[in-house]
N, C-alpha and C. Protein backbone atom coordinates (compact mmCIF):
# COMPACT_ATOMS: atom_id res chain seq x y z
N MET A 1 0.81 -1.20 0.00
CA MET A 1 0.00 0.00 0.00
C MET A 1 0.86 1.26 0.00
N SER A 2 1.93 1.28 0.77
CA SER A 2 2.75 2.49 0.84
C SER A 2 3.42 2.79 -0.49
N ILE A 3 3.73 1.77 -1.26
CA ILE A 3 4.34 2.00 -2.57
C ILE A 3 3.34 2.69 -3.49
N GLU A 4 2.09 2.30 -3.42
CA GLU A 4 1.06 2.91 -4.26
C GLU A 4 0.83 4.37 -3.86
N VAL A 5 0.76 4.64 -2.56
CA VAL A 5 0.54 6.00 -2.10
C VAL A 5 1.72 6.87 -2.48
N THR A 6 2.94 6.38 -2.31
CA THR A 6 4.12 7.12 -2.69
C THR A 6 4.12 7.39 -4.19
N GLY A 7 3.72 6.42 -4.97
CA GLY A 7 3.65 6.60 -6.41
C GLY A 7 2.64 7.66 -6.80
N ILE A 8 1.49 7.65 -6.15
CA ILE A 8 0.46 8.64 -6.45
C ILE A 8 0.92 10.03 -6.03
N LEU A 9 1.49 10.15 -4.85
CA LEU A 9 1.98 11.45 -4.39
C LEU A 9 3.12 11.95 -5.27
N GLY A 10 3.99 11.07 -5.67
CA GLY A 10 5.08 11.45 -6.56
C GLY A 10 4.55 11.93 -7.91
N PHE A 11 3.52 11.27 -8.41
CA PHE A 11 2.91 11.67 -9.68
C PHE A 11 2.25 13.04 -9.56
N ILE A 12 1.59 13.29 -8.44
CA ILE A 12 0.96 14.60 -8.21
C ILE A 12 2.01 15.70 -8.16
N VAL A 13 3.11 15.46 -7.45
CA VAL A 13 4.21 16.44 -7.38
C VAL A 13 4.79 16.67 -8.78
N PHE A 14 4.93 15.60 -9.55
CA PHE A 14 5.45 15.71 -10.91
C PHE A 14 4.55 16.59 -11.78
N ILE A 15 3.25 16.36 -11.73
CA ILE A 15 2.29 17.15 -12.52
C ILE A 15 2.32 18.61 -12.06
N LEU A 16 2.36 18.85 -10.76
CA LEU A 16 2.42 20.23 -10.25
C LEU A 16 3.70 20.93 -10.68
N ASN A 17 4.81 20.20 -10.69
CA ASN A 17 6.07 20.79 -11.13
C ASN A 17 6.02 21.17 -12.61
N ILE A 18 5.41 20.35 -13.42
CA ILE A 18 5.24 20.69 -14.83
C ILE A 18 4.40 21.95 -14.97
N TYR A 19 3.33 22.05 -14.18
CA TYR A 19 2.47 23.24 -14.19
C TYR A 19 3.28 24.49 -13.81
N VAL A 20 4.09 24.37 -12.76
CA VAL A 20 4.90 25.50 -12.29
C VAL A 20 5.91 25.92 -13.37
N ILE A 21 6.53 24.98 -14.02
CA ILE A 21 7.50 25.30 -15.06
C ILE A 21 6.82 26.01 -16.23
N ILE A 22 5.66 25.54 -16.64
CA ILE A 22 4.93 26.18 -17.74
C ILE A 22 4.52 27.59 -17.35
N LYS A 23 3.98 27.76 -16.14
CA LYS A 23 3.58 29.10 -15.69
C LYS A 23 4.77 30.03 -15.57
N THR A 24 5.92 29.52 -15.17
CA THR A 24 7.12 30.35 -15.06
C THR A 24 7.58 30.79 -16.44
N ILE A 25 7.56 29.89 -17.40
CA ILE A 25 7.96 30.24 -18.76
C ILE A 25 7.02 31.29 -19.35
N GLN A 26 5.74 31.20 -19.04
CA GLN A 26 4.75 32.14 -19.57
C GLN A 26 4.75 33.48 -18.84
N SER A 27 5.42 33.57 -17.70
CA SER A 27 5.39 34.81 -16.92
C SER A 27 6.23 35.89 -17.59
N SER A 28 6.08 37.11 -17.10
CA SER A 28 6.78 38.25 -17.69
C SER A 28 8.07 38.61 -16.96
N ILE A 29 8.55 37.75 -16.09
CA ILE A 29 9.80 38.03 -15.39
C ILE A 29 10.98 37.87 -16.34
N SER A 30 12.14 38.36 -15.93
CA SER A 30 13.33 38.30 -16.79
C SER A 30 13.80 36.86 -16.98
N GLY A 31 14.59 36.68 -18.02
CA GLY A 31 15.08 35.35 -18.36
C GLY A 31 15.90 34.70 -17.26
N GLY A 32 16.73 35.48 -16.57
CA GLY A 32 17.54 34.94 -15.49
C GLY A 32 16.71 34.42 -14.34
N HIS A 33 15.64 35.15 -14.01
CA HIS A 33 14.77 34.70 -12.94
C HIS A 33 13.98 33.45 -13.35
N LYS A 34 13.61 33.37 -14.61
CA LYS A 34 12.92 32.17 -15.10
C LYS A 34 13.82 30.95 -14.93
N VAL A 35 15.07 31.09 -15.34
CA VAL A 35 16.02 29.97 -15.22
C VAL A 35 16.19 29.58 -13.76
N MET A 36 16.30 30.58 -12.88
CA MET A 36 16.48 30.30 -11.46
C MET A 36 15.30 29.50 -10.91
N TRP A 37 14.06 29.93 -11.21
CA TRP A 37 12.88 29.23 -10.70
C TRP A 37 12.79 27.82 -11.27
N ILE A 38 13.06 27.68 -12.56
CA ILE A 38 12.98 26.35 -13.17
C ILE A 38 14.02 25.41 -12.57
N LEU A 39 15.24 25.88 -12.38
CA LEU A 39 16.27 25.04 -11.76
C LEU A 39 15.91 24.67 -10.33
N LEU A 40 15.35 25.62 -9.60
CA LEU A 40 14.95 25.36 -8.22
C LEU A 40 13.88 24.27 -8.17
N VAL A 41 12.91 24.35 -9.06
CA VAL A 41 11.84 23.36 -9.08
C VAL A 41 12.37 22.00 -9.53
N LEU A 42 13.30 21.99 -10.48
CA LEU A 42 13.84 20.72 -10.95
C LEU A 42 14.76 20.05 -9.93
N LEU A 43 15.57 20.84 -9.23
CA LEU A 43 16.53 20.28 -8.28
C LEU A 43 15.90 19.94 -6.93
N LEU A 44 14.94 20.73 -6.49
CA LEU A 44 14.25 20.51 -5.22
C LEU A 44 12.74 20.52 -5.47
N PRO A 45 12.20 19.42 -5.97
CA PRO A 45 10.82 19.43 -6.44
C PRO A 45 9.79 19.90 -5.41
N VAL A 46 9.79 19.37 -4.22
CA VAL A 46 8.75 19.72 -3.25
C VAL A 46 9.02 21.11 -2.66
N ILE A 47 10.25 21.36 -2.24
CA ILE A 47 10.59 22.66 -1.66
C ILE A 47 10.46 23.76 -2.72
N GLY A 48 10.93 23.49 -3.93
CA GLY A 48 10.82 24.46 -5.01
C GLY A 48 9.37 24.78 -5.34
N LEU A 49 8.52 23.76 -5.29
CA LEU A 49 7.09 23.96 -5.54
C LEU A 49 6.47 24.86 -4.48
N LEU A 50 6.80 24.60 -3.23
CA LEU A 50 6.27 25.42 -2.14
C LEU A 50 6.79 26.85 -2.21
N LEU A 51 8.08 27.01 -2.48
CA LEU A 51 8.65 28.36 -2.59
C LEU A 51 8.02 29.12 -3.75
N TRP A 52 7.81 28.45 -4.88
CA TRP A 52 7.18 29.10 -6.02
C TRP A 52 5.76 29.53 -5.68
N PHE A 53 5.05 28.68 -4.95
CA PHE A 53 3.67 29.00 -4.60
C PHE A 53 3.61 30.27 -3.74
N PHE A 54 4.53 30.40 -2.78
CA PHE A 54 4.50 31.54 -1.86
C PHE A 54 5.29 32.76 -2.36
N LEU A 55 6.38 32.53 -3.10
CA LEU A 55 7.27 33.63 -3.49
C LEU A 55 7.43 33.81 -4.99
N GLY A 56 6.82 32.98 -5.77
CA GLY A 56 7.02 32.99 -7.21
C GLY A 56 6.43 34.20 -7.91
N PRO A 57 6.65 34.26 -9.22
CA PRO A 57 6.18 35.40 -10.00
C PRO A 57 4.66 35.53 -9.96
N ARG A 58 4.21 36.75 -9.86
CA ARG A 58 2.77 37.03 -9.84
C ARG A 58 2.38 37.68 -11.16
N ARG A 59 1.11 37.71 -11.45
CA ARG A 59 0.62 38.30 -12.70
C ARG A 59 0.70 39.76 -12.68
């Protein structure tokens, strides 16, 4: 059971990270900041996702 739950949670984090990367690319922030956010999300998926949610680019 724990393997299935971990797989589902991992898949949800993966989908959310893809969403964050797409939204970051579409944002109007500078290219350097886009690269920084994308690298943060790729290297630290859960922490990067939370940081983007609270501190990321706004519309």
